[in-house]
């Protein structure tokens, strides 16, 4: 078995890691900061992994990132995950089509229009979900929402 993985913190680093616990940052970052603090207080990797219900290798990765990158190693790198196909100007284009043109579109017609005018391929189902999440669908959305609501019974 190799040597124990141990991190030593300067006083200002310890204070910074303590402040991260109360800061408005993602929970992953708070957990990583706590892992580093616990290791600096003498907890072994195995005990920290059991405390957080993580694998030991995950704890080691956090400690190695701290040693290599410092505070920056707590955050995720940008660029992870699938990039959105629709940009803000594409959404504005769609909303303008829905608002200004006299005809109504279904999701398949909108995807064809997007592909023809903007060269963006998107499934009708995905487009429908994006528009619904954004709240910009239909010509008379307030009326449609009002009429579909079930009245409250007292």
C-alpha atoms as a PDB file:
ATOM      1  CA  UNK A   1       0.000   0.000   0.000  1.00  0.00           C
ATOM      2  CA  UNK A   2       1.259   3.467  -0.943  1.00  0.00           C
ATOM      3  CA  UNK A   3       1.607   6.509   1.231  1.00  0.00           C
ATOM      4  CA  UNK A   4      -1.534   8.179   2.596  1.00  0.00           C
ATOM      5  CA  UNK A   5      -2.879  11.022   0.508  1.00  0.00           C
ATOM      6  CA  UNK A   6      -2.816  14.105   2.705  1.00  0.00           C
ATOM      7  CA  UNK A   7      -3.481  17.779   2.062  1.00  0.00           C
ATOM      8  CA  UNK A   8      -2.112  20.584   4.212  1.00  0.00           C
ATOM      9  CA  UNK A   9      -3.885  23.942   4.213  1.00  0.00           C
ATOM     10  CA  UNK A  10      -2.654  27.394   5.049  1.00  0.00           C
ATOM     11  CA  UNK A  11      -4.903  29.390   7.350  1.00  0.00           C
ATOM     12  CA  UNK A  12      -6.365  31.578   4.592  1.00  0.00           C
ATOM     13  CA  UNK A  13      -7.087  28.493   2.452  1.00  0.00           C
ATOM     14  CA  UNK A  14      -8.980  26.922   5.344  1.00  0.00           C
ATOM     15  CA  UNK A  15     -11.045  30.081   5.783  1.00  0.00           C
ATOM     16  CA  UNK A  16     -11.809  30.245   2.067  1.00  0.00           C
ATOM     17  CA  UNK A  17     -12.965  26.619   2.033  1.00  0.00           C
ATOM     18  CA  UNK A  18     -15.156  27.288   5.072  1.00  0.00           C
ATOM     19  CA  UNK A  19     -16.763  30.277   3.349  1.00  0.00           C
ATOM     20  CA  UNK A  20     -17.563  28.140   0.299  1.00  0.00           C
ATOM     21  CA  UNK A  21     -19.900  26.056   2.467  1.00  0.00           C
ATOM     22  CA  UNK A  22     -22.164  29.095   2.933  1.00  0.00           C
ATOM     23  CA  UNK A  23     -21.658  30.634  -0.535  1.00  0.00           C
ATOM     24  CA  UNK A  24     -24.106  30.438  -3.419  1.00  0.00           C
ATOM     25  CA  UNK A  25     -22.196  27.788  -5.391  1.00  0.00           C
ATOM     26  CA  UNK A  26     -23.222  24.356  -6.704  1.00  0.00           C
ATOM     27  CA  UNK A  27     -23.524  21.577  -4.121  1.00  0.00           C
ATOM     28  CA  UNK A  28     -20.721  19.618  -5.821  1.00  0.00           C
ATOM     29  CA  UNK A  29     -18.317  22.475  -5.157  1.00  0.00           C
ATOM     30  CA  UNK A  30     -19.371  22.645  -1.492  1.00  0.00           C
ATOM     31  CA  UNK A  31     -18.851  18.894  -1.114  1.00  0.00           C
ATOM     32  CA  UNK A  32     -15.423  19.035  -2.718  1.00  0.00           C
ATOM     33  CA  UNK A  33     -14.387  21.881  -0.426  1.00  0.00           C
ATOM     34  CA  UNK A  34     -15.557  19.865   2.592  1.00  0.00           C
ATOM     35  CA  UNK A  35     -13.587  16.818   1.384  1.00  0.00           C
ATOM     36  CA  UNK A  36     -10.431  18.897   1.304  1.00  0.00           C
ATOM     37  CA  UNK A  37     -11.097  20.344   4.766  1.00  0.00           C
ATOM     38  CA  UNK A  38     -11.745  16.913   6.271  1.00  0.00           C
ATOM     39  CA  UNK A  39      -8.558  15.527   4.757  1.00  0.00           C
ATOM     40  CA  UNK A  40      -6.598  18.471   6.120  1.00  0.00           C
ATOM     41  CA  UNK A  41      -8.062  17.707   9.575  1.00  0.00           C
ATOM     42  CA  UNK A  42      -6.637  14.191   9.394  1.00  0.00           C
ATOM     43  CA  UNK A  43      -9.475  12.106   7.963  1.00  0.00           C
ATOM     44  CA  UNK A  44      -8.361   9.247   5.741  1.00  0.00           C
ATOM     45  CA  UNK A  45      -9.640   8.845   2.194  1.00  0.00           C
ATOM     46  CA  UNK A  46     -11.625   5.749   3.171  1.00  0.00           C
ATOM     47  CA  UNK A  47     -13.429   7.559   5.990  1.00  0.00           C
ATOM     48  CA  UNK A  48     -14.239  10.579   3.812  1.00  0.00           C
ATOM     49  CA  UNK A  49     -15.569   8.302   1.063  1.00  0.00           C
ATOM     50  CA  UNK A  50     -17.818   6.526   3.558  1.00  0.00           C
ATOM     51  CA  UNK A  51     -18.998   9.869   4.984  1.00  0.00           C
ATOM     52  CA  UNK A  52     -20.042  11.215   1.563  1.00  0.00           C
ATOM     53  CA  UNK A  53     -21.072   7.814   0.174  1.00  0.00           C
ATOM     54  CA  UNK A  54     -18.566   8.269  -2.661  1.00  0.00           C
ATOM     55  CA  UNK A  55     -15.967   5.897  -4.018  1.00  0.00           C
ATOM     56  CA  UNK A  56     -12.450   6.255  -2.656  1.00  0.00           C
ATOM     57  CA  UNK A  57     -11.189   7.084  -6.133  1.00  0.00           C
ATOM     58  CA  UNK A  58     -13.558  10.070  -6.342  1.00  0.00           C
ATOM     59  CA  UNK A  59     -12.138  11.447  -3.097  1.00  0.00           C
ATOM     60  CA  UNK A  60      -8.601  10.909  -4.383  1.00  0.00           C
ATOM     61  CA  UNK A  61      -9.471  12.729  -7.619  1.00  0.00           C
ATOM     62  CA  UNK A  62     -10.760  15.725  -5.638  1.00  0.00           C
ATOM     63  CA  UNK A  63      -7.595  15.819  -3.527  1.00  0.00           C
ATOM     64  CA  UNK A  64      -5.326  15.502  -6.570  1.00  0.00           C
ATOM     65  CA  UNK A  65      -7.188  18.315  -8.349  1.00  0.00           C
ATOM     66  CA  UNK A  66      -6.759  20.477  -5.259  1.00  0.00           C
ATOM     67  CA  UNK A  67      -3.020  19.808  -5.205  1.00  0.00           C
ATOM     68  CA  UNK A  68      -2.700  20.491  -8.941  1.00  0.00           C
ATOM     69  CA  UNK A  69      -5.079  23.441  -9.482  1.00  0.00           C
ATOM     70  CA  UNK A  70      -5.938  24.799  -6.049  1.00  0.00           C
ATOM     71  CA  UNK A  71      -9.292  26.532  -5.688  1.00  0.00           C
ATOM     72  CA  UNK A  72     -10.017  26.288  -9.428  1.00  0.00           C
ATOM     73  CA  UNK A  73      -9.998  22.484  -9.157  1.00  0.00           C
ATOM     74  CA  UNK A  74     -13.273  22.566  -7.200  1.00  0.00           C
ATOM     75  CA  UNK A  75     -15.369  23.715 -10.175  1.00  0.00           C
ATOM     76  CA  UNK A  76     -16.386  21.792 -13.303  1.00  0.00           C
ATOM     77  CA  UNK A  77     -14.642  22.730 -16.502  1.00  0.00           C
ATOM     78  CA  UNK A  78     -16.762  24.622 -19.014  1.00  0.00           C
ATOM     79  CA  UNK A  79     -17.866  22.805 -22.119  1.00  0.00           C
ATOM     80  CA  UNK A  80     -19.302  19.689 -20.535  1.00  0.00           C
ATOM     81  CA  UNK A  81     -22.526  18.257 -21.905  1.00  0.00           C
ATOM     82  CA  UNK A  82     -24.439  18.681 -25.135  1.00  0.00           C
ATOM     83  CA  UNK A  83     -24.566  22.167 -26.557  1.00  0.00           C
ATOM     84  CA  UNK A  84     -28.017  23.619 -27.315  1.00  0.00           C
ATOM     85  CA  UNK A  85     -28.899  23.664 -31.013  1.00  0.00           C
ATOM     86  CA  UNK A  86     -31.158  26.709 -30.703  1.00  0.00           C
ATOM     87  CA  UNK A  87     -29.548  30.032 -29.960  1.00  0.00           C
ATOM     88  CA  UNK A  88     -31.340  33.085 -28.567  1.00  0.00           C
ATOM     89  CA  UNK A  89     -31.702  34.727 -31.985  1.00  0.00           C
ATOM     90  CA  UNK A  90     -33.282  31.509 -33.335  1.00  0.00           C
ATOM     91  CA  UNK A  91     -35.824  31.588 -30.520  1.00  0.00           C
ATOM     92  CA  UNK A  92     -36.588  35.252 -31.251  1.00  0.00           C
ATOM     93  CA  UNK A  93     -37.034  34.355 -34.940  1.00  0.00           C
ATOM     94  CA  UNK A  94     -39.535  31.628 -34.025  1.00  0.00           C
ATOM     95  CA  UNK A  95     -41.417  33.869 -31.616  1.00  0.00           C
ATOM     96  CA  UNK A  96     -41.663  36.579 -34.274  1.00  0.00           C
ATOM     97  CA  UNK A  97     -43.026  34.037 -36.759  1.00  0.00           C
ATOM     98  CA  UNK A  98     -45.643  32.909 -34.254  1.00  0.00           C
ATOM     99  CA  UNK A  99     -46.569  36.442 -33.244  1.00  0.00           C
ATOM    100  CA  UNK A 100     -46.547  38.344 -36.548  1.00  0.00           C
ATOM    101  CA  UNK A 101     -47.577  35.925 -39.275  1.00  0.00           C
ATOM    102  CA  UNK A 102     -51.330  35.509 -39.799  1.00  0.00           C
ATOM    103  CA  UNK A 103     -51.158  31.736 -40.116  1.00  0.00           C
ATOM    104  CA  UNK A 104     -50.704  29.211 -37.344  1.00  0.00           C
ATOM    105  CA  UNK A 105     -47.942  26.613 -37.288  1.00  0.00           C
ATOM    106  CA  UNK A 106     -47.728  23.168 -35.847  1.00  0.00           C
ATOM    107  CA  UNK A 107     -44.397  21.891 -34.532  1.00  0.00           C
ATOM    108  CA  UNK A 108     -43.571  19.982 -37.736  1.00  0.00           C
ATOM    109  CA  UNK A 109     -44.119  23.104 -39.864  1.00  0.00           C
ATOM    110  CA  UNK A 110     -41.956  25.160 -37.500  1.00  0.00           C
ATOM    111  CA  UNK A 111     -39.109  22.637 -37.706  1.00  0.00           C
ATOM    112  CA  UNK A 112     -39.337  22.717 -41.516  1.00  0.00           C
ATOM    113  CA  UNK A 113     -39.236  26.525 -41.419  1.00  0.00           C
ATOM    114  CA  UNK A 114     -36.210  26.435 -39.103  1.00  0.00           C
ATOM    115  CA  UNK A 115     -34.405  24.022 -41.394  1.00  0.00           C
ATOM    116  CA  UNK A 116     -35.262  26.009 -44.511  1.00  0.00           C
ATOM    117  CA  UNK A 117     -34.513  29.503 -43.150  1.00  0.00           C
ATOM    118  CA  UNK A 118     -31.847  28.856 -40.513  1.00  0.00           C
ATOM    119  CA  UNK A 119     -30.368  25.429 -41.443  1.00  0.00           C
ATOM    120  CA  UNK A 120     -31.167  24.018 -38.000  1.00  0.00           C
ATOM    121  CA  UNK A 121     -32.352  20.427 -37.789  1.00  0.00           C
ATOM    122  CA  UNK A 122     -34.554  19.750 -34.793  1.00  0.00           C
ATOM    123  CA  UNK A 123     -37.265  17.207 -34.109  1.00  0.00           C
ATOM    124  CA  UNK A 124     -40.823  18.527 -33.780  1.00  0.00           C
ATOM    125  CA  UNK A 125     -41.088  17.004 -30.300  1.00  0.00           C
ATOM    126  CA  UNK A 126     -37.897  18.718 -29.101  1.00  0.00           C
ATOM    127  CA  UNK A 127     -39.019  22.055 -30.527  1.00  0.00           C
ATOM    128  CA  UNK A 128     -42.385  21.735 -28.816  1.00  0.00           C
ATOM    129  CA  UNK A 129     -40.677  21.088 -25.461  1.00  0.00           C
ATOM    130  CA  UNK A 130     -38.302  24.030 -25.882  1.00  0.00           C
ATOM    131  CA  UNK A 131     -41.142  26.410 -26.772  1.00  0.00           C
ATOM    132  CA  UNK A 132     -43.289  25.149 -23.924  1.00  0.00           C
ATOM    133  CA  UNK A 133     -40.465  25.564 -21.424  1.00  0.00           C
ATOM    134  CA  UNK A 134     -39.844  29.079 -22.669  1.00  0.00           C
ATOM    135  CA  UNK A 135     -43.548  29.891 -22.482  1.00  0.00           C
ATOM    136  CA  UNK A 136     -43.856  31.094 -26.065  1.00  0.00           C
ATOM    137  CA  UNK A 137     -46.278  28.844 -27.835  1.00  0.00           C
ATOM    138  CA  UNK A 138     -49.682  29.347 -29.392  1.00  0.00           C
ATOM    139  CA  UNK A 139     -51.438  32.525 -30.457  1.00  0.00           C
ATOM    140  CA  UNK A 140     -53.672  32.939 -27.424  1.00  0.00           C
ATOM    141  CA  UNK A 141     -51.789  31.262 -24.607  1.00  0.00           C
ATOM    142  CA  UNK A 142     -53.503  33.108 -21.744  1.00  0.00           C
ATOM    143  CA  UNK A 143     -56.927  32.123 -23.073  1.00  0.00           C
ATOM    144  CA  UNK A 144     -55.880  28.509 -23.607  1.00  0.00           C
ATOM    145  CA  UNK A 145     -54.427  28.252 -20.106  1.00  0.00           C
ATOM    146  CA  UNK A 146     -57.460  29.931 -18.496  1.00  0.00           C
ATOM    147  CA  UNK A 147     -59.956  27.668 -20.266  1.00  0.00           C
ATOM    148  CA  UNK A 148     -58.084  24.471 -19.447  1.00  0.00           C
ATOM    149  CA  UNK A 149     -57.742  25.095 -15.742  1.00  0.00           C
ATOM    150  CA  UNK A 150     -59.987  23.054 -13.495  1.00  0.00           C
ATOM    151  CA  UNK A 151     -62.063  25.295 -11.227  1.00  0.00           C
ATOM    152  CA  UNK A 152     -61.376  25.000  -7.519  1.00  0.00           C
ATOM    153  CA  UNK A 153     -64.075  23.428  -5.376  1.00  0.00           C
ATOM    154  CA  UNK A 154     -64.470  24.728  -1.885  1.00  0.00           C
END
